[in-house]
Amino acid sequence: MAIPPPGPNGAQLSRVKKDFQRVDIVEFLAGLTKEYGDVVRFNFGSLPCILVNGAPLVRKLFSEREACLRKPEFVKDSNRGHWGDGLTTLEGTAWQARRRILLPSFRAMCVAPRLAVVAQCTEDMLDAWTPKSQTDLLKELRILTARIAARMVLNAELEGHGPSAGRSGVLPFSEAYGEDYVSTLRDKSMAPLFMVRPRASRRMDVTVGIIDERLASGEQNGDVLSGLILHGATLTRNQILGEVIQMLYAGHLTIPYSLVSLWREIAANGLASKITSEANHLCTGAVPDMAALSTSYCFAALKESMRLHPPAPILYREVESIFELNGFEFAPNAAVWVSPHLLHTDGRYFPEPDRFLPERFMMGSCAAAAQSPYLPFGAGRRTCIANHLALHQMTLITLLTARRFQFTAMRDA
């Protein structure tokens, strides 16, 4: 018979709540696992929470118990915004059907040609390079991410960037760049928990117009929208709108944050010359293919940086239906936390966890890492569908940048 997970009670709970408000959240979670083990129950206000830690348990949670979980509304809200559902906010059979429709657009044969788009947009950015602080750099990289997304998803150009000939249209800056949004739990006692991310603006008139024109014409040009148009008999216009608009913003948080973290680690660990030398070898005319990028030292450095700096330090789910894990009961509506940051710095899985060692992920050296709980893009069936595209895209951006600029420490503002 399953039992509730162990965790603080009474006076212990009051102490834990104070710790949560006082220390870094990952430090707080590490303290809980040290005291209670890899499955820990704790409460804030009216919300029961369960932390799941440890590689075997996390793999089992996301591979065998995914159907018993749901994404919380505050997470969905940060993706959905003013628009409809898409892959990141759908659940159950609706999510499964949508993923089957989208999967062909993110297979290697479709990803490879899009690297030329990444290269062109990156070179255009570097031609007008101006950032003087980390804040400036994040903005420049978000604009680059927005432009690449417009090209890949809609075959559209970003206003003020590049020729529009042969494109479906030109997106105004406001529609491509969007708004910063803060999504929080309704329970005020959980106020320290919130999500900040870019999302689509309320007005997306040009974007909607482009989608409507493409739906009417049925034009196919290899972008993500083309794949959705092929399924027009099973998807409504509003379903396609929601999916496309979510896709336009899917990388706005992950890619700029991960690139800045990588470039900071390259500078701090004296790897700038090594990355530049590799860039000069790989980027000598034609765009490097996926095989060359995925076996590069830069690719390994990116994966190691995302180990130390996962874009989502906590994966957050809620229990949809009761289940058991490792002998413990997970009751309906309980919040379930998994911390990639905590797992990625666990010495059980990554020796010398605080050191920046790209060699962990080099070809032939990553057998142990492959068995470790490495989840910068989530885990299980709901792993980010565009993770391979994102990794190759960020590696190429970094190599092209290294050919023309030196990675050095930047001030924060």
Protein backbone atom coordinates (compact mmCIF):
# COMPACT_ATOMS: atom_id res chain seq x y z
CA MET A 1 0.00 0.00 0.00
CA ALA A 2 1.41 3.38 -1.03
CA ILE A 3 2.08 5.94 1.70
CA PRO A 4 2.50 9.74 1.58
CA PRO A 5 6.09 10.89 0.93
CA PRO A 6 8.14 12.01 3.94
CA GLY A 7 8.51 15.70 4.65
CA PRO A 8 8.39 18.46 7.24
CA ASN A 9 5.43 18.86 9.60
CA GLY A 10 4.39 21.36 12.25
CA ALA A 11 7.28 23.51 13.47
CA GLN A 12 9.51 21.99 10.79
CA LEU A 13 7.14 23.29 8.12
CA SER A 14 7.37 26.84 9.47
CA ARG A 15 11.16 26.61 9.32
CA VAL A 16 11.07 25.27 5.77
CA LYS A 17 8.79 28.09 4.65
CA LYS A 18 11.22 30.64 6.05
CA ASP A 19 14.09 28.86 4.27
CA PHE A 20 12.17 29.02 0.99
CA GLN A 21 11.81 32.79 1.31
CA ARG A 22 15.42 33.28 2.46
CA VAL A 23 17.63 31.13 0.22
CA ASP A 24 18.04 30.33 -3.47
CA ILE A 25 15.29 27.94 -4.54
CA VAL A 26 17.70 25.21 -5.69
CA GLU A 27 19.56 25.47 -2.39
CA PHE A 28 16.21 25.14 -0.64
CA LEU A 29 15.35 21.99 -2.61
CA ALA A 30 18.80 20.51 -2.02
CA GLY A 31 18.27 20.97 1.71
CA LEU A 32 14.99 19.08 1.54
CA THR A 33 16.51 16.11 -0.31
CA LYS A 34 19.42 15.98 2.11
CA GLU A 35 17.04 15.75 5.04
CA TYR A 36 14.21 13.64 3.64
CA GLY A 37 15.47 11.80 0.53
CA ASP A 38 14.69 11.93 -3.19
CA VAL A 39 10.89 12.10 -2.79
CA VAL A 40 9.85 14.90 -0.42
CA ARG A 41 6.45 16.31 0.52
CA PHE A 42 6.12 19.93 1.63
CA ASN A 43 3.36 22.53 1.80
CA PHE A 44 2.95 26.25 1.26
CA GLY A 45 -0.41 27.76 2.01
CA SER A 46 -3.09 25.42 0.72
CA LEU A 47 -0.89 23.82 -1.96
CA PRO A 48 0.71 20.40 -1.30
CA CYS A 49 3.99 19.93 -3.21
CA ILE A 50 6.12 16.87 -3.91
CA LEU A 51 9.73 17.12 -5.08
CA VAL A 52 10.99 14.18 -7.14
CA ASN A 53 14.77 13.88 -7.40
CA GLY A 54 17.23 11.21 -8.49
CA ALA A 55 17.76 9.83 -12.00
CA PRO A 56 15.78 6.56 -11.78
CA LEU A 57 12.76 8.20 -10.16
CA VAL A 58 12.67 11.16 -12.56
CA ARG A 59 12.94 8.85 -15.58
CA LYS A 60 10.12 6.70 -14.21
CA LEU A 61 7.98 9.76 -13.43
CA PHE A 62 8.20 11.18 -16.95
CA SER A 63 8.19 7.89 -18.86
CA GLU A 64 5.63 5.84 -16.94
CA ARG A 65 3.51 8.39 -15.05
CA GLU A 66 3.27 11.23 -17.59
CA ALA A 67 -0.38 10.41 -18.32
CA CYS A 68 -1.18 11.02 -14.65
CA LEU A 69 0.26 14.55 -14.76
CA ARG A 70 -0.83 17.86 -16.26
CA LYS A 71 0.80 21.22 -16.75
CA PRO A 72 -0.49 23.86 -14.30
CA GLU A 73 -2.56 26.73 -15.66
CA PHE A 74 0.00 29.40 -14.77
CA VAL A 75 2.58 27.64 -16.96
CA LYS A 76 0.10 27.19 -19.80
CA ASP A 77 -0.93 30.82 -19.49
CA SER A 78 2.64 31.98 -20.05
CA ASN A 79 2.70 30.06 -23.36
CA ARG A 80 -0.88 30.56 -24.52
CA GLY A 81 -1.22 34.22 -23.62
CA HIS A 82 -3.93 35.98 -25.59
CA TRP A 83 -4.16 33.14 -28.11
CA GLY A 84 -5.20 29.51 -28.33
CA ASP A 85 -3.64 26.22 -27.38
CA GLY A 86 -0.64 24.65 -29.04
CA LEU A 87 1.70 21.74 -28.42
CA THR A 88 3.03 23.23 -25.17
CA THR A 89 -0.43 23.66 -23.62
CA LEU A 90 -2.44 20.72 -24.94
CA GLU A 91 -2.95 17.58 -22.85
CA GLY A 92 -3.76 13.91 -23.42
CA THR A 93 -4.89 12.67 -26.80
CA ALA A 94 -5.09 16.22 -28.20
CA TRP A 95 -1.40 16.70 -27.41
CA GLN A 96 -0.50 13.31 -28.92
CA ALA A 97 -2.33 14.11 -32.15
CA ARG A 98 -0.71 17.55 -32.46
CA ARG A 99 2.78 16.19 -31.83
CA ARG A 100 2.31 13.60 -34.60
CA ILE A 101 1.37 16.40 -36.98
CA LEU A 102 4.37 18.58 -36.04
CA LEU A 103 7.05 15.92 -35.68
CA PRO A 104 7.98 15.71 -39.40
CA SER A 105 8.82 19.44 -39.38
CA PHE A 106 11.53 18.84 -36.77
CA ARG A 107 13.21 15.74 -38.15
CA ALA A 108 16.81 16.01 -39.33
CA MET A 109 15.93 16.22 -43.03
CA CYS A 110 13.89 19.37 -42.32
CA VAL A 111 16.23 20.86 -39.72
CA ALA A 112 19.35 20.73 -41.89
CA PRO A 113 18.16 23.19 -44.61
CA ARG A 114 17.08 25.65 -41.91
CA LEU A 115 20.66 26.04 -40.72
CA ALA A 116 21.25 28.23 -43.79
CA VAL A 117 18.56 30.57 -42.43
CA VAL A 118 20.33 30.62 -39.06
CA ALA A 119 23.64 31.46 -40.75
CA GLN A 120 22.23 34.28 -42.87
CA CYS A 121 20.35 35.90 -39.99
CA THR A 122 23.37 35.59 -37.69
CA GLU A 123 25.75 37.16 -40.18
CA ASP A 124 23.30 40.04 -40.68
CA MET A 125 23.22 40.58 -36.91
CA LEU A 126 27.00 40.49 -36.64
CA ASP A 127 27.35 43.05 -39.44
CA ALA A 128 25.54 45.55 -37.22
CA TRP A 129 26.91 44.31 -33.88
CA THR A 130 26.42 46.90 -31.09
CA PRO A 131 25.83 45.32 -27.64
CA LYS A 132 27.85 46.86 -24.82
CA SER A 133 26.27 45.07 -21.86
CA GLN A 134 24.62 41.77 -21.06
CA THR A 135 21.22 43.47 -21.24
CA ASP A 136 21.99 44.72 -24.75
CA LEU A 137 23.28 41.30 -25.73
CA LEU A 138 20.14 39.52 -24.54
CA LYS A 139 18.01 41.93 -26.57
CA GLU A 140 20.13 41.48 -29.72
CA LEU A 141 19.89 37.70 -29.37
CA ARG A 142 16.16 37.82 -28.78
CA ILE A 143 15.73 39.86 -31.97
CA LEU A 144 17.86 37.29 -33.81
CA THR A 145 15.73 34.48 -32.33
CA ALA A 146 12.55 36.28 -33.41
CA ARG A 147 13.80 36.74 -36.96
CA ILE A 148 14.89 33.12 -37.32
CA ALA A 149 11.54 31.95 -35.94
CA ALA A 150 9.62 34.17 -38.37
CA ARG A 151 11.56 32.63 -41.26
CA MET A 152 11.29 29.02 -40.09
CA VAL A 153 7.70 29.05 -38.90
CA LEU A 154 6.03 31.45 -41.36
CA ASN A 155 8.57 32.06 -44.12
CA ALA A 156 8.17 35.73 -43.16
CA GLU A 157 10.79 38.44 -42.64
CA LEU A 158 11.19 40.66 -39.59
CA GLU A 159 10.52 44.31 -40.26
CA GLY A 160 13.76 46.19 -40.93
CA HIS A 161 15.84 43.03 -41.40
CA GLY A 162 16.70 41.60 -44.80
CA PRO A 163 14.81 41.44 -48.11
CA SER A 164 11.19 40.32 -48.14
CA ALA A 165 11.23 39.02 -51.73
CA GLY A 166 10.04 35.44 -51.84
CA ARG A 167 8.66 35.61 -48.31
CA SER A 168 5.07 35.25 -47.14
CA GLY A 169 5.20 38.74 -45.67
CA VAL A 170 6.93 41.07 -43.21
CA LEU A 171 6.18 40.91 -39.50
CA PRO A 172 6.12 44.21 -37.60
CA PHE A 173 8.67 44.33 -34.82
CA SER A 174 5.95 44.39 -32.14
CA GLU A 175 4.44 41.14 -33.41
CA ALA A 176 7.76 39.33 -33.76
CA TYR A 177 9.30 40.56 -30.48
CA GLY A 178 6.16 40.44 -28.34
CA GLU A 179 5.70 41.34 -24.71
CA ASP A 180 7.29 40.22 -21.45
CA TYR A 181 4.76 38.49 -19.27
CA VAL A 182 4.77 37.48 -15.60
CA SER A 183 2.57 34.50 -14.75
CA THR A 184 1.99 33.61 -11.09
CA LEU A 185 0.06 31.09 -9.04
CA ARG A 186 -3.33 32.24 -7.83
CA ASP A 187 -2.42 31.15 -4.28
CA LYS A 188 -0.78 34.30 -2.84
CA SER A 189 1.06 32.25 -0.24
CA MET A 190 3.11 30.90 -3.15
CA ALA A 191 4.05 34.42 -4.33
CA PRO A 192 7.77 33.55 -4.65
CA LEU A 193 6.81 31.21 -7.50
CA PHE A 194 6.35 33.00 -10.80
CA MET A 195 7.32 32.65 -14.45
CA VAL A 196 8.65 35.46 -16.61
CA ARG A 197 8.81 34.85 -20.33
CA PRO A 198 8.13 36.57 -23.68
CA ARG A 199 4.84 35.84 -25.39
CA ALA A 200 2.77 37.11 -28.31
CA SER A 201 1.07 40.47 -28.07
CA ARG A 202 -2.70 40.83 -28.02
CA ARG A 203 -2.66 42.28 -31.56
CA MET A 204 -1.07 40.01 -34.17
CA ASP A 205 -2.93 41.34 -37.20
CA VAL A 206 -0.17 40.87 -39.79
CA THR A 207 0.70 37.41 -38.51
CA VAL A 208 -2.94 36.34 -38.63
CA GLY A 209 -3.27 37.82 -42.13
CA ILE A 210 -0.26 35.84 -43.38
CA ILE A 211 -1.66 32.63 -41.93
CA ASP A 212 -5.07 33.24 -43.48
CA GLU A 213 -3.55 33.92 -46.91
CA ARG A 214 -1.47 30.77 -46.72
CA LEU A 215 -4.47 28.71 -45.63
CA ALA A 216 -6.44 30.03 -48.59
CA SER A 217 -3.64 29.39 -51.11
CA GLY A 218 -2.33 26.13 -49.64
CA GLU A 219 1.22 27.28 -50.46
CA GLN A 220 3.97 24.88 -49.38
CA ASN A 221 7.49 26.18 -48.78
CA GLY A 222 9.03 23.98 -46.09
CA ASP A 223 8.16 26.07 -43.04
CA VAL A 224 6.27 24.82 -39.98
CA LEU A 225 3.03 26.38 -41.24
CA SER A 226 3.29 24.23 -44.39
CA GLY A 227 3.09 21.08 -42.27
CA LEU A 228 0.01 22.39 -40.50
CA ILE A 229 -1.66 23.35 -43.80
CA LEU A 230 -1.31 19.74 -44.96
CA HIS A 231 -3.53 18.77 -42.03
CA GLY A 232 -6.18 21.39 -42.75
CA ALA A 233 -8.85 18.71 -42.78
CA THR A 234 -8.19 17.85 -39.15
CA LEU A 235 -7.12 21.25 -37.77
CA THR A 236 -9.32 24.33 -37.58
CA ARG A 237 -8.10 27.81 -38.44
CA ASN A 238 -8.00 28.76 -34.76
CA GLN A 239 -6.01 25.66 -33.87
CA ILE A 240 -3.43 26.56 -36.52
CA LEU A 241 -3.32 30.16 -35.28
CA GLY A 242 -2.65 29.06 -31.70
CA GLU A 243 0.07 26.62 -32.76
CA VAL A 244 1.90 29.00 -35.08
CA ILE A 245 1.85 31.89 -32.62
CA GLN A 246 3.17 29.68 -29.82
CA MET A 247 5.93 28.40 -32.14
CA LEU A 248 7.00 31.95 -32.98
CA TYR A 249 7.80 32.54 -29.30
CA ALA A 250 8.97 29.11 -28.19
CA GLY A 251 12.69 30.00 -28.23
CA HIS A 252 12.59 33.62 -27.05
CA LEU A 253 13.53 32.67 -23.49
CA THR A 254 15.63 29.55 -24.00
CA ILE A 255 17.95 30.61 -26.82
CA PRO A 256 19.13 34.08 -25.68
CA TYR A 257 19.57 32.92 -22.07
CA SER A 258 21.47 29.78 -23.09
CA LEU A 259 23.75 31.64 -25.52
CA VAL A 260 24.69 34.29 -22.97
CA SER A 261 25.40 31.58 -20.38
CA LEU A 262 27.57 29.66 -22.86
CA TRP A 263 29.52 32.72 -23.96
CA ARG A 264 30.12 33.68 -20.33
CA GLU A 265 31.48 30.18 -19.60
CA ILE A 266 33.70 30.25 -22.69
CA ALA A 267 35.23 33.53 -21.52
CA ALA A 268 35.54 32.51 -17.87
CA ASN A 269 37.21 29.18 -18.67
CA GLY A 270 39.71 30.48 -21.21
CA LEU A 271 38.15 28.63 -24.14
CA ALA A 272 37.72 31.53 -26.55
CA SER A 273 40.77 30.63 -28.65
CA LYS A 274 39.74 26.98 -28.88
CA ILE A 275 36.21 27.86 -30.02
CA THR A 276 37.55 30.42 -32.50
CA SER A 277 39.98 27.89 -33.96
CA GLU A 278 37.16 25.39 -34.39
CA ALA A 279 34.95 28.06 -35.95
CA ASN A 280 37.66 28.94 -38.48
CA HIS A 281 37.92 25.26 -39.39
CA LEU A 282 34.19 24.51 -39.67
CA CYS A 283 32.78 27.76 -41.03
CA THR A 284 34.79 28.25 -44.19
CA GLY A 285 32.12 28.84 -46.80
CA ALA A 286 29.25 26.37 -46.79
CA VAL A 287 27.16 26.07 -43.66
CA PRO A 288 28.46 23.16 -41.52
CA ASP A 289 26.20 20.14 -41.66
CA MET A 290 24.46 18.72 -38.61
CA ALA A 291 27.00 15.94 -38.16
CA ALA A 292 29.90 18.41 -38.03
CA LEU A 293 28.07 20.64 -35.57
CA SER A 294 26.96 17.81 -33.27
CA THR A 295 30.50 16.41 -32.97
CA SER A 296 32.12 19.80 -32.38
CA TYR A 297 33.69 20.96 -29.13
CA CYS A 298 31.36 23.96 -29.26
CA PHE A 299 28.34 21.64 -29.25
CA ALA A 300 29.72 19.83 -26.19
CA ALA A 301 30.41 23.16 -24.49
CA LEU A 302 26.83 24.24 -25.13
CA LYS A 303 25.46 21.05 -23.59
CA GLU A 304 27.74 21.47 -20.58
CA SER A 305 26.65 25.09 -20.18
CA MET A 306 23.01 24.00 -20.29
CA ARG A 307 23.82 21.46 -17.60
CA LEU A 308 25.03 24.22 -15.29
CA HIS A 309 22.48 26.80 -16.45
CA PRO A 310 19.26 25.02 -17.50
CA PRO A 311 16.77 27.54 -18.87
CA ALA A 312 14.06 26.08 -16.61
CA PRO A 313 15.55 25.37 -13.16
CA ILE A 314 12.25 23.71 -12.14
CA LEU A 315 9.83 21.58 -14.16
CA TYR A 316 6.39 21.97 -12.66
CA ARG A 317 3.45 19.58 -13.01
CA GLU A 318 0.24 18.79 -11.16
CA VAL A 319 -1.27 15.40 -10.41
CA GLU A 320 -4.26 14.76 -12.66
CA SER A 321 -5.01 11.26 -11.36
CA ILE A 322 -3.66 9.40 -8.33
CA PHE A 323 -0.57 7.25 -8.85
CA GLU A 324 2.25 5.57 -6.96
CA LEU A 325 5.99 6.09 -7.39
CA ASN A 326 8.65 4.26 -5.39
CA GLY A 327 6.00 3.23 -2.86
CA PHE A 328 4.75 6.78 -2.31
CA GLU A 329 1.28 8.07 -3.12
CA PHE A 330 0.79 11.13 -5.33
CA ALA A 331 -2.66 12.54 -4.59
CA PRO A 332 -4.73 14.49 -7.16
CA ASN A 333 -3.96 18.23 -7.52
CA ALA A 334 -0.64 18.01 -5.69
CA ALA A 335 2.13 20.04 -7.32
CA VAL A 336 5.04 17.92 -8.56
CA TRP A 337 8.46 19.53 -8.88
CA VAL A 338 11.53 18.24 -10.69
CA SER A 339 14.62 20.46 -10.65
CA PRO A 340 16.97 20.07 -13.63
CA HIS A 341 19.44 22.37 -11.86
CA LEU A 342 19.51 20.14 -8.79
CA LEU A 343 19.89 16.98 -10.88
CA HIS A 344 22.53 18.50 -13.16
CA THR A 345 24.76 19.37 -10.19
CA ASP A 346 24.34 16.07 -8.38
CA GLY A 347 27.70 14.35 -7.85
CA ARG A 348 26.05 10.94 -8.14
CA TYR A 349 25.64 11.55 -11.87
CA PHE A 350 28.17 14.24 -12.80
CA PRO A 351 31.61 13.98 -11.14
CA GLU A 352 33.01 17.38 -10.16
CA PRO A 353 29.55 18.83 -10.80
CA ASP A 354 30.53 22.48 -10.33
CA ARG A 355 33.31 22.37 -12.94
CA PHE A 356 32.72 23.40 -16.55
CA LEU A 357 33.90 20.33 -18.48
CA PRO A 358 32.62 20.12 -22.07
CA GLU A 359 34.53 16.84 -22.40
CA ARG A 360 31.61 15.16 -20.58
CA PHE A 361 29.59 15.50 -23.77
CA MET A 362 32.24 14.81 -26.39
CA MET A 363 31.61 11.88 -28.71
CA GLY A 364 32.96 8.70 -27.12
CA SER A 365 33.07 10.26 -23.65
CA CYS A 366 29.40 10.77 -22.91
CA ALA A 367 28.19 7.26 -22.12
CA ALA A 368 27.84 8.14 -18.45
CA ALA A 369 26.25 11.49 -19.25
CA ALA A 370 23.74 9.78 -21.53
CA GLN A 371 22.50 7.75 -18.56
CA SER A 372 22.37 10.80 -16.31
CA PRO A 373 19.30 12.93 -15.66
CA TYR A 374 20.13 15.57 -18.27
CA LEU A 375 16.97 17.52 -19.07
CA PRO A 376 17.50 21.14 -20.17
CA PHE A 377 14.63 20.65 -22.65
CA GLY A 378 12.35 18.72 -20.31
CA ALA A 379 11.99 14.96 -20.16
CA GLY A 380 9.93 12.02 -21.30
CA ARG A 381 7.37 12.21 -24.08
CA ARG A 382 6.98 15.97 -23.59
CA THR A 383 10.63 16.75 -24.24
CA CYS A 384 10.80 19.91 -26.39
CA ILE A 385 10.07 18.88 -29.98
CA ALA A 386 12.60 21.42 -31.28
CA ASN A 387 15.49 20.47 -28.98
CA HIS A 388 17.80 19.22 -31.77
CA LEU A 389 17.07 22.28 -33.88
CA ALA A 390 17.78 24.57 -30.92
CA LEU A 391 21.10 22.87 -30.07
CA HIS A 392 22.39 23.05 -33.66
CA GLN A 393 21.10 26.59 -34.07
CA MET A 394 22.87 27.84 -30.93
CA THR A 395 26.09 26.02 -31.85
CA LEU A 396 26.13 27.61 -35.30
CA ILE A 397 25.39 31.08 -33.91
CA THR A 398 28.27 30.70 -31.45
CA LEU A 399 30.75 29.51 -34.09
CA LEU A 400 29.86 32.29 -36.52
CA THR A 401 30.19 34.84 -33.72
CA ALA A 402 33.56 33.41 -32.65
CA ARG A 403 34.96 33.95 -36.16
CA ARG A 404 34.39 37.69 -35.90
CA PHE A 405 34.44 38.57 -32.20
CA GLN A 406 36.28 37.53 -29.05
CA PHE A 407 34.25 36.18 -26.13
CA THR A 408 35.00 38.31 -23.07
CA ALA A 409 33.23 39.05 -19.80
CA MET A 410 30.48 41.66 -20.13
CA ARG A 411 28.98 43.91 -17.51
CA ASP A 412 25.42 43.15 -16.45
CA ALA A 413 23.83 46.48 -17.33
